[in-house]
Amino acid sequence: MSDIISIDLDDDMKNSWATDPLVFNAMDKEFNFSLDAAANHKNYKCDWYLTKEDDALTTDWSIAIQDHADVSETSVWINPPYEKGFIKKFMQKCIEEKAKGVTSVLLVPATLDAQWLPINDISEIRIITGGRLSFYHPENNKKVNGNTKGSMFVIFRPSKIPLNIRLIDRNELLKAGEL
């Protein structure tokens, strides 16, 4: 989220903005997430989640998912910390986990030219159009408009399908999350 909105927050809080439940619900209908790999005790989206203390980057998601969910459910939701270097670390972790059969979906800034975006390993990119997403404040959990960047979903699937890039309308995404 924008430093203008989060200027008075410490570094931990700046990395703890929560995903809009409607956005998560829309994606969960398709992917049936069993793990939120970048959460805290206030903003988690799945019953099973990993916090900073759990260290999602060193946890084997494929084994952990088998211990916590039906084996057929192997999708992981990630709204990673946007602090420098963390998006790249989570992208690399998703590449490792897709080799183990895990599907991962990340909500990240829509920056197709970013060095952290491993184009050759991604299955799908969904760029959100028609407006910017709002996030929920890490302290008071109130919806905050004014995101200064667009957003996109980066999807890693175990299959070897070629990269697919598509556009998804923000309002349609939010409406899908209501149903």
C-alpha atoms as a PDB file:
ATOM      1  CA  MET A   1       0.000   0.000   0.000  1.00  0.00           C
ATOM      2  CA  SER A   2       1.001   3.575  -0.456  1.00  0.00           C
ATOM      3  CA  ASP A   3       3.432   5.173   1.953  1.00  0.00           C
ATOM      4  CA  ILE A   4       1.050   8.148   2.062  1.00  0.00           C
ATOM      5  CA  ILE A   5      -1.547   5.917   3.699  1.00  0.00           C
ATOM      6  CA  SER A   6       0.892   3.932   5.840  1.00  0.00           C
ATOM      7  CA  ILE A   7       3.436   6.585   6.824  1.00  0.00           C
ATOM      8  CA  ASP A   8       2.730   6.215  10.555  1.00  0.00           C
ATOM      9  CA  LEU A   9       2.945   2.401  10.531  1.00  0.00           C
ATOM     10  CA  ASP A  10       5.974   0.384  11.548  1.00  0.00           C
ATOM     11  CA  ASP A  11       7.539  -1.975   8.978  1.00  0.00           C
ATOM     12  CA  ASP A  12       5.566  -4.994  10.185  1.00  0.00           C
ATOM     13  CA  MET A  13       2.280  -3.145   9.839  1.00  0.00           C
ATOM     14  CA  LYS A  14       3.227  -1.745   6.401  1.00  0.00           C
ATOM     15  CA  ASN A  15       3.483  -5.365   5.250  1.00  0.00           C
ATOM     16  CA  SER A  16       0.192  -6.453   6.816  1.00  0.00           C
ATOM     17  CA  TRP A  17      -2.485  -4.833   4.667  1.00  0.00           C
ATOM     18  CA  ALA A  18      -5.301  -7.341   4.218  1.00  0.00           C
ATOM     19  CA  THR A  19      -6.879  -8.476   0.975  1.00  0.00           C
ATOM     20  CA  ASP A  20     -10.481  -7.454   0.400  1.00  0.00           C
ATOM     21  CA  PRO A  21     -12.615 -10.499   1.321  1.00  0.00           C
ATOM     22  CA  LEU A  22     -14.574 -10.134  -1.936  1.00  0.00           C
ATOM     23  CA  VAL A  23     -11.346 -10.434  -3.948  1.00  0.00           C
ATOM     24  CA  PHE A  24     -10.277 -13.473  -1.976  1.00  0.00           C
ATOM     25  CA  ASN A  25     -13.737 -15.103  -2.201  1.00  0.00           C
ATOM     26  CA  ALA A  26     -13.801 -14.720  -5.988  1.00  0.00           C
ATOM     27  CA  MET A  27     -10.424 -16.421  -6.360  1.00  0.00           C
ATOM     28  CA  ASP A  28     -11.185 -19.032  -3.701  1.00  0.00           C
ATOM     29  CA  LYS A  29     -14.230 -20.199  -5.670  1.00  0.00           C
ATOM     30  CA  GLU A  30     -11.907 -21.161  -8.485  1.00  0.00           C
ATOM     31  CA  PHE A  31      -8.840 -22.364  -6.590  1.00  0.00           C
ATOM     32  CA  ASN A  32     -10.255 -23.687  -3.300  1.00  0.00           C
ATOM     33  CA  PHE A  33      -7.351 -22.429  -1.188  1.00  0.00           C
ATOM     34  CA  SER A  34      -6.211 -24.513   1.745  1.00  0.00           C
ATOM     35  CA  LEU A  35      -3.305 -22.304   2.892  1.00  0.00           C
ATOM     36  CA  ASP A  36      -2.670 -18.576   3.261  1.00  0.00           C
ATOM     37  CA  ALA A  37       1.134 -18.426   3.121  1.00  0.00           C
ATOM     38  CA  ALA A  38       1.635 -14.757   4.028  1.00  0.00           C
ATOM     39  CA  ALA A  39      -0.706 -13.870   6.859  1.00  0.00           C
ATOM     40  CA  ASN A  40      -0.881 -12.802  10.451  1.00  0.00           C
ATOM     41  CA  HIS A  41      -3.408 -13.555  13.191  1.00  0.00           C
ATOM     42  CA  LYS A  42      -5.623 -10.635  12.081  1.00  0.00           C
ATOM     43  CA  ASN A  43      -5.617 -10.811   8.268  1.00  0.00           C
ATOM     44  CA  TYR A  44      -5.570 -14.526   7.404  1.00  0.00           C
ATOM     45  CA  LYS A  45      -7.906 -15.747   4.668  1.00  0.00           C
ATOM     46  CA  CYS A  46      -7.729 -19.528   5.197  1.00  0.00           C
ATOM     47  CA  ASP A  47      -8.269 -21.568   8.336  1.00  0.00           C
ATOM     48  CA  TRP A  48      -4.680 -22.705   7.978  1.00  0.00           C
ATOM     49  CA  TYR A  49      -2.158 -19.913   7.546  1.00  0.00           C
ATOM     50  CA  LEU A  50       1.517 -19.146   7.985  1.00  0.00           C
ATOM     51  CA  THR A  51       2.724 -16.055   9.827  1.00  0.00           C
ATOM     52  CA  LYS A  52       6.078 -14.309   9.720  1.00  0.00           C
ATOM     53  CA  GLU A  53       7.121 -16.475  12.657  1.00  0.00           C
ATOM     54  CA  ASP A  54       6.161 -19.669  10.774  1.00  0.00           C
ATOM     55  CA  ASP A  55       8.417 -18.575   7.880  1.00  0.00           C
ATOM     56  CA  ALA A  56       6.524 -19.603   4.766  1.00  0.00           C
ATOM     57  CA  LEU A  57       9.701 -19.330   2.709  1.00  0.00           C
ATOM     58  CA  THR A  58      11.285 -22.317   4.483  1.00  0.00           C
ATOM     59  CA  THR A  59       8.119 -24.369   5.097  1.00  0.00           C
ATOM     60  CA  ASP A  60       7.429 -27.205   2.648  1.00  0.00           C
ATOM     61  CA  TRP A  61       3.917 -26.271   1.539  1.00  0.00           C
ATOM     62  CA  SER A  62       3.272 -29.598  -0.192  1.00  0.00           C
ATOM     63  CA  ILE A  63       3.829 -31.614   2.991  1.00  0.00           C
ATOM     64  CA  ALA A  64       2.068 -29.109   5.199  1.00  0.00           C
ATOM     65  CA  ILE A  65      -0.991 -29.034   2.935  1.00  0.00           C
ATOM     66  CA  GLN A  66      -1.281 -32.823   3.081  1.00  0.00           C
ATOM     67  CA  ASP A  67      -1.274 -32.569   6.881  1.00  0.00           C
ATOM     68  CA  HIS A  68      -3.976 -29.881   6.971  1.00  0.00           C
ATOM     69  CA  ALA A  69      -6.287 -30.488   4.034  1.00  0.00           C
ATOM     70  CA  ASP A  70      -7.760 -32.987   1.646  1.00  0.00           C
ATOM     71  CA  VAL A  71      -4.887 -34.093  -0.602  1.00  0.00           C
ATOM     72  CA  SER A  72      -6.828 -32.930  -3.674  1.00  0.00           C
ATOM     73  CA  GLU A  73      -6.754 -29.367  -2.307  1.00  0.00           C
ATOM     74  CA  THR A  74      -3.309 -28.046  -3.045  1.00  0.00           C
ATOM     75  CA  SER A  75      -3.828 -24.347  -3.720  1.00  0.00           C
ATOM     76  CA  VAL A  76      -2.035 -21.628  -1.793  1.00  0.00           C
ATOM     77  CA  TRP A  77      -3.113 -17.980  -1.471  1.00  0.00           C
ATOM     78  CA  ILE A  78      -0.393 -15.341  -1.103  1.00  0.00           C
ATOM     79  CA  ASN A  79      -0.689 -11.583  -0.642  1.00  0.00           C
ATOM     80  CA  PRO A  80       3.056 -11.212   0.025  1.00  0.00           C
ATOM     81  CA  PRO A  81       4.726  -8.399   1.923  1.00  0.00           C
ATOM     82  CA  TYR A  82       5.558  -5.669  -0.580  1.00  0.00           C
ATOM     83  CA  GLU A  83       8.764  -4.779   1.267  1.00  0.00           C
ATOM     84  CA  LYS A  84      11.823  -4.809  -1.009  1.00  0.00           C
ATOM     85  CA  GLY A  85      12.832  -8.335  -1.980  1.00  0.00           C
ATOM     86  CA  PHE A  86       9.882 -10.239  -0.522  1.00  0.00           C
ATOM     87  CA  ILE A  87       7.800 -10.531  -3.673  1.00  0.00           C
ATOM     88  CA  LYS A  88      10.792 -12.062  -5.471  1.00  0.00           C
ATOM     89  CA  LYS A  89      11.376 -14.502  -2.588  1.00  0.00           C
ATOM     90  CA  PHE A  90       7.744 -15.620  -2.685  1.00  0.00           C
ATOM     91  CA  MET A  91       7.875 -16.001  -6.481  1.00  0.00           C
ATOM     92  CA  GLN A  92      10.913 -18.275  -6.122  1.00  0.00           C
ATOM     93  CA  LYS A  93       9.141 -20.273  -3.414  1.00  0.00           C
ATOM     94  CA  CYS A  94       6.133 -20.738  -5.721  1.00  0.00           C
ATOM     95  CA  ILE A  95       8.440 -22.116  -8.420  1.00  0.00           C
ATOM     96  CA  GLU A  96       9.851 -24.639  -5.913  1.00  0.00           C
ATOM     97  CA  GLU A  97       6.386 -25.641  -4.755  1.00  0.00           C
ATOM     98  CA  LYS A  98       4.888 -26.028  -8.240  1.00  0.00           C
ATOM     99  CA  ALA A  99       7.534 -28.705  -8.866  1.00  0.00           C
ATOM    100  CA  LYS A 100       5.941 -30.548  -5.916  1.00  0.00           C
ATOM    101  CA  GLY A 101       2.405 -30.262  -7.325  1.00  0.00           C
ATOM    102  CA  VAL A 102       1.269 -27.106  -5.535  1.00  0.00           C
ATOM    103  CA  THR A 103      -0.757 -24.383  -7.262  1.00  0.00           C
ATOM    104  CA  SER A 104      -0.056 -20.876  -5.926  1.00  0.00           C
ATOM    105  CA  VAL A 105      -1.824 -17.576  -6.533  1.00  0.00           C
ATOM    106  CA  LEU A 106      -0.143 -14.294  -5.620  1.00  0.00           C
ATOM    107  CA  LEU A 107      -1.744 -10.854  -5.467  1.00  0.00           C
ATOM    108  CA  VAL A 108       0.989  -8.387  -6.411  1.00  0.00           C
ATOM    109  CA  PRO A 109       1.448  -4.958  -8.003  1.00  0.00           C
ATOM    110  CA  ALA A 110       0.748  -4.959 -11.753  1.00  0.00           C
ATOM    111  CA  THR A 111       4.348  -4.481 -12.835  1.00  0.00           C
ATOM    112  CA  LEU A 112       5.054  -6.644 -15.867  1.00  0.00           C
ATOM    113  CA  ASP A 113       8.599  -5.325 -16.235  1.00  0.00           C
ATOM    114  CA  ALA A 114       9.634  -6.045 -12.633  1.00  0.00           C
ATOM    115  CA  GLN A 115      12.812  -8.021 -12.085  1.00  0.00           C
ATOM    116  CA  TRP A 116      10.966 -10.173  -9.559  1.00  0.00           C
ATOM    117  CA  LEU A 117       8.540 -11.498 -12.191  1.00  0.00           C
ATOM    118  CA  PRO A 118       9.815 -14.895 -13.465  1.00  0.00           C
ATOM    119  CA  ILE A 119       7.856 -14.922 -16.748  1.00  0.00           C
ATOM    120  CA  ASN A 120       9.169 -18.320 -17.917  1.00  0.00           C
ATOM    121  CA  ASP A 121       7.842 -20.114 -14.813  1.00  0.00           C
ATOM    122  CA  ILE A 122       4.397 -18.514 -14.553  1.00  0.00           C
ATOM    123  CA  SER A 123       1.255 -20.262 -15.780  1.00  0.00           C
ATOM    124  CA  GLU A 124      -1.028 -17.263 -15.849  1.00  0.00           C
ATOM    125  CA  ILE A 125      -1.155 -13.547 -15.149  1.00  0.00           C
ATOM    126  CA  ARG A 126      -4.500 -11.824 -14.586  1.00  0.00           C
ATOM    127  CA  ILE A 127      -4.234  -8.054 -14.718  1.00  0.00           C
ATOM    128  CA  ILE A 128      -7.008  -6.223 -12.903  1.00  0.00           C
ATOM    129  CA  THR A 129      -8.547  -3.450 -15.009  1.00  0.00           C
ATOM    130  CA  GLY A 130     -11.325  -0.923 -14.489  1.00  0.00           C
ATOM    131  CA  GLY A 131      -9.988   0.466 -11.213  1.00  0.00           C
ATOM    132  CA  ARG A 132      -7.634  -0.328  -8.396  1.00  0.00           C
ATOM    133  CA  LEU A 133      -8.201  -2.723  -5.544  1.00  0.00           C
ATOM    134  CA  SER A 134      -8.717  -1.494  -2.009  1.00  0.00           C
ATOM    135  CA  PHE A 135      -7.019  -3.145   0.930  1.00  0.00           C
ATOM    136  CA  TYR A 136      -7.852  -3.305   4.624  1.00  0.00           C
ATOM    137  CA  HIS A 137      -5.842  -1.295   7.158  1.00  0.00           C
ATOM    138  CA  PRO A 138      -3.611  -3.506   9.332  1.00  0.00           C
ATOM    139  CA  GLU A 139      -4.611  -1.896  12.630  1.00  0.00           C
ATOM    140  CA  ASN A 140      -8.306  -1.018  12.398  1.00  0.00           C
ATOM    141  CA  ASN A 141      -9.290  -3.468   9.606  1.00  0.00           C
ATOM    142  CA  LYS A 142     -11.193  -0.743   7.739  1.00  0.00           C
ATOM    143  CA  LYS A 143     -11.289  -0.708   3.952  1.00  0.00           C
ATOM    144  CA  VAL A 144      -8.962   1.943   2.537  1.00  0.00           C
ATOM    145  CA  ASN A 145      -9.287   3.299  -0.978  1.00  0.00           C
ATOM    146  CA  GLY A 146      -6.427   5.076  -2.672  1.00  0.00           C
ATOM    147  CA  ASN A 147      -4.117   2.273  -3.724  1.00  0.00           C
ATOM    148  CA  THR A 148      -1.512   4.003  -5.911  1.00  0.00           C
ATOM    149  CA  LYS A 149      -0.761   0.940  -8.041  1.00  0.00           C
ATOM    150  CA  GLY A 150      -2.717  -1.493 -10.117  1.00  0.00           C
ATOM    151  CA  SER A 151      -2.811  -5.159  -9.107  1.00  0.00           C
ATOM    152  CA  MET A 152      -2.513  -8.532 -10.770  1.00  0.00           C
ATOM    153  CA  PHE A 153      -2.707 -12.188  -9.887  1.00  0.00           C
ATOM    154  CA  VAL A 154       0.302 -14.321 -10.722  1.00  0.00           C
ATOM    155  CA  ILE A 155      -0.585 -18.005 -10.894  1.00  0.00           C
ATOM    156  CA  PHE A 156       1.815 -20.928 -10.746  1.00  0.00           C
ATOM    157  CA  ARG A 157       0.394 -24.334 -11.691  1.00  0.00           C
ATOM    158  CA  PRO A 158       2.230 -27.676 -11.687  1.00  0.00           C
ATOM    159  CA  SER A 159       1.305 -28.268 -15.338  1.00  0.00           C
ATOM    160  CA  LYS A 160       3.499 -27.174 -18.225  1.00  0.00           C
ATOM    161  CA  ILE A 161       0.882 -25.012 -19.930  1.00  0.00           C
ATOM    162  CA  PRO A 162       2.206 -21.935 -21.752  1.00  0.00           C
ATOM    163  CA  LEU A 163       1.857 -18.524 -20.101  1.00  0.00           C
ATOM    164  CA  ASN A 164      -1.598 -17.023 -20.460  1.00  0.00           C
ATOM    165  CA  ILE A 165      -2.144 -13.309 -19.822  1.00  0.00           C
ATOM    166  CA  ARG A 166      -5.654 -11.981 -19.469  1.00  0.00           C
ATOM    167  CA  LEU A 167      -7.521  -8.985 -18.164  1.00  0.00           C
ATOM    168  CA  ILE A 168     -10.097  -9.161 -15.399  1.00  0.00           C
ATOM    169  CA  ASP A 169     -12.452  -6.294 -14.581  1.00  0.00           C
ATOM    170  CA  ARG A 170     -12.261  -5.189 -10.947  1.00  0.00           C
ATOM    171  CA  ASN A 171     -16.020  -4.754 -10.588  1.00  0.00           C
ATOM    172  CA  GLU A 172     -16.722  -8.206 -12.046  1.00  0.00           C
ATOM    173  CA  LEU A 173     -14.136  -9.689  -9.674  1.00  0.00           C
ATOM    174  CA  LEU A 174     -15.771  -8.021  -6.671  1.00  0.00           C
ATOM    175  CA  LYS A 175     -19.251  -9.088  -7.824  1.00  0.00           C
ATOM    176  CA  ALA A 176     -18.032 -12.706  -8.177  1.00  0.00           C
ATOM    177  CA  GLY A 177     -16.825 -12.536  -4.574  1.00  0.00           C
ATOM    178  CA  GLU A 178     -20.333 -11.620  -3.359  1.00  0.00           C
ATOM    179  CA  LEU A 179     -22.099 -14.678  -4.758  1.00  0.00           C
END
